[in-house]
Protein backbone atom coordinates (compact mmCIF):
# COMPACT_ATOMS: atom_id res chain seq x y z
CA UNK A 1 -70.45 -87.94 27.97
CA UNK A 2 -73.87 -87.82 29.54
CA UNK A 3 -74.64 -89.53 32.82
CA UNK A 4 -78.25 -90.11 33.76
CA UNK A 5 -79.03 -89.92 37.49
CA UNK A 6 -82.73 -90.60 37.59
CA UNK A 7 -84.51 -87.55 36.20
CA UNK A 8 -81.40 -85.33 36.23
CA UNK A 9 -79.03 -85.32 33.30
CA UNK A 10 -75.45 -84.28 34.02
CA UNK A 11 -73.30 -83.41 31.04
CA UNK A 12 -69.56 -83.54 31.46
CA UNK A 13 -66.75 -82.91 29.01
CA UNK A 14 -66.78 -80.86 25.86
CA UNK A 15 -67.08 -83.72 23.33
CA UNK A 16 -64.04 -82.67 21.31
CA UNK A 17 -62.87 -86.32 21.02
CA UNK A 18 -62.12 -87.03 17.37
CA UNK A 19 -61.12 -83.46 16.48
CA UNK A 20 -58.65 -83.28 19.37
CA UNK A 21 -57.30 -86.73 18.60
CA UNK A 22 -56.72 -85.72 14.96
CA UNK A 23 -55.11 -82.40 15.94
CA UNK A 24 -52.71 -84.17 18.29
CA UNK A 25 -51.70 -86.65 15.58
CA UNK A 26 -51.43 -84.06 12.80
CA UNK A 27 -49.40 -81.62 14.89
CA UNK A 28 -47.13 -84.47 16.10
CA UNK A 29 -46.59 -85.58 12.49
CA UNK A 30 -45.72 -82.00 11.46
CA UNK A 31 -43.21 -81.72 14.30
CA UNK A 32 -41.65 -85.08 13.36
CA UNK A 33 -41.35 -84.03 9.70
CA UNK A 34 -39.76 -80.72 10.70
CA UNK A 35 -37.27 -82.57 12.92
CA UNK A 36 -36.32 -84.89 10.04
CA UNK A 37 -35.91 -81.90 7.71
CA UNK A 38 -33.69 -80.11 10.23
CA UNK A 39 -31.59 -83.23 10.77
CA UNK A 40 -31.19 -83.62 7.00
CA UNK A 41 -30.00 -80.03 6.75
CA UNK A 42 -27.52 -80.58 9.58
CA UNK A 43 -26.16 -83.72 7.90
CA UNK A 44 -25.32 -81.60 4.84
CA UNK A 45 -23.13 -79.31 6.95
CA UNK A 46 -19.44 -80.02 6.78
CA UNK A 47 -17.40 -78.85 9.71
CA UNK A 48 -18.50 -77.63 13.12
CA UNK A 49 -22.07 -76.49 13.70
CA UNK A 50 -21.80 -73.00 15.12
CA UNK A 51 -23.97 -69.89 15.29
CA UNK A 52 -23.35 -68.99 11.65
CA UNK A 53 -24.56 -72.40 10.49
CA UNK A 54 -27.72 -72.20 12.62
CA UNK A 55 -28.31 -68.63 11.53
CA UNK A 56 -27.85 -69.60 7.89
CA UNK A 57 -30.34 -72.45 8.14
CA UNK A 58 -33.05 -70.32 9.75
CA UNK A 59 -32.37 -67.19 7.66
CA UNK A 60 -33.90 -68.81 4.58
CA UNK A 61 -37.48 -67.66 3.98
CA UNK A 62 -38.87 -71.15 3.43
CA UNK A 63 -37.25 -72.37 6.65
CA UNK A 64 -38.68 -69.42 8.60
CA UNK A 65 -42.12 -70.25 7.23
CA UNK A 66 -41.78 -73.92 8.21
CA UNK A 67 -40.50 -72.92 11.65
CA UNK A 68 -43.50 -70.60 12.13
CA UNK A 69 -45.75 -73.52 11.19
CA UNK A 70 -43.88 -75.72 13.67
CA UNK A 71 -44.33 -73.19 16.47
CA UNK A 72 -48.07 -72.97 15.79
CA UNK A 73 -48.34 -76.78 15.69
CA UNK A 74 -46.35 -77.10 18.91
CA UNK A 75 -48.47 -74.52 20.73
CA UNK A 76 -51.70 -76.12 19.51
CA UNK A 77 -50.43 -79.60 20.48
CA UNK A 78 -49.49 -78.39 23.96
CA UNK A 79 -52.80 -76.57 24.41
CA UNK A 80 -54.94 -79.60 23.51
CA UNK A 81 -52.90 -81.86 25.77
CA UNK A 82 -52.86 -79.52 28.77
CA UNK A 83 -56.53 -78.60 28.37
CA UNK A 84 -57.46 -82.27 28.41
CA UNK A 85 -55.34 -82.88 31.51
CA UNK A 86 -56.96 -79.96 33.34
CA UNK A 87 -60.45 -81.11 32.27
CA UNK A 88 -59.86 -84.72 33.29
CA UNK A 89 -58.04 -84.29 36.60
CA UNK A 90 -58.92 -80.88 38.08
CA UNK A 91 -62.46 -80.97 39.43
CA UNK A 92 -63.00 -77.50 41.01
CA UNK A 93 -64.26 -75.31 38.15
CA UNK A 94 -62.55 -72.13 39.40
CA UNK A 95 -59.15 -73.78 39.67
CA UNK A 96 -59.60 -75.45 36.27
CA UNK A 97 -60.48 -72.07 34.71
CA UNK A 98 -57.44 -70.45 36.32
CA UNK A 99 -55.20 -73.23 34.99
CA UNK A 100 -56.71 -72.86 31.51
CA UNK A 101 -56.06 -69.12 31.53
CA UNK A 102 -52.52 -69.56 32.87
CA UNK A 103 -51.78 -72.21 30.23
CA UNK A 104 -53.10 -70.00 27.41
CA UNK A 105 -51.14 -66.97 28.59
CA UNK A 106 -47.99 -69.07 28.99
CA UNK A 107 -48.31 -70.65 25.54
CA UNK A 108 -49.03 -67.33 23.81
CA UNK A 109 -46.02 -65.83 25.59
CA UNK A 110 -43.82 -68.73 24.50
CA UNK A 111 -45.04 -68.39 20.91
CA UNK A 112 -44.37 -64.65 20.95
CA UNK A 113 -40.88 -65.22 22.32
CA UNK A 114 -40.17 -67.92 19.71
CA UNK A 115 -41.35 -65.67 16.87
CA UNK A 116 -39.21 -62.83 18.20
CA UNK A 117 -36.11 -65.06 18.37
CA UNK A 118 -36.73 -66.35 14.86
CA UNK A 119 -37.35 -62.86 13.48
CA UNK A 120 -33.98 -61.66 14.78
CA UNK A 121 -32.05 -64.29 12.82
């Protein structure tokens, strides 16, 4: 978005608009589909849902792959959302940069932890 103040041109924002909007919708759709798939698997379980049932569901290779895809979609979804919040509402550039870095480090750490938990199953 460009704002013209006389002879000066001030550019604000990164113009990600449509791409970010699409990524948010696609990642949300992937997470919704994964949730429906997981619920369908749980409906097939007879008896109590305990650790062995959860472990059995996530021990399958195709389920691990889909869960990895879900984690990536979730991290990307969170990053786009938080980045846009920081860009829209935090005006001091230094603070905004620090929040971006903190968010990235946090999300990468969460993804690493999630992959580690899934790998152990």
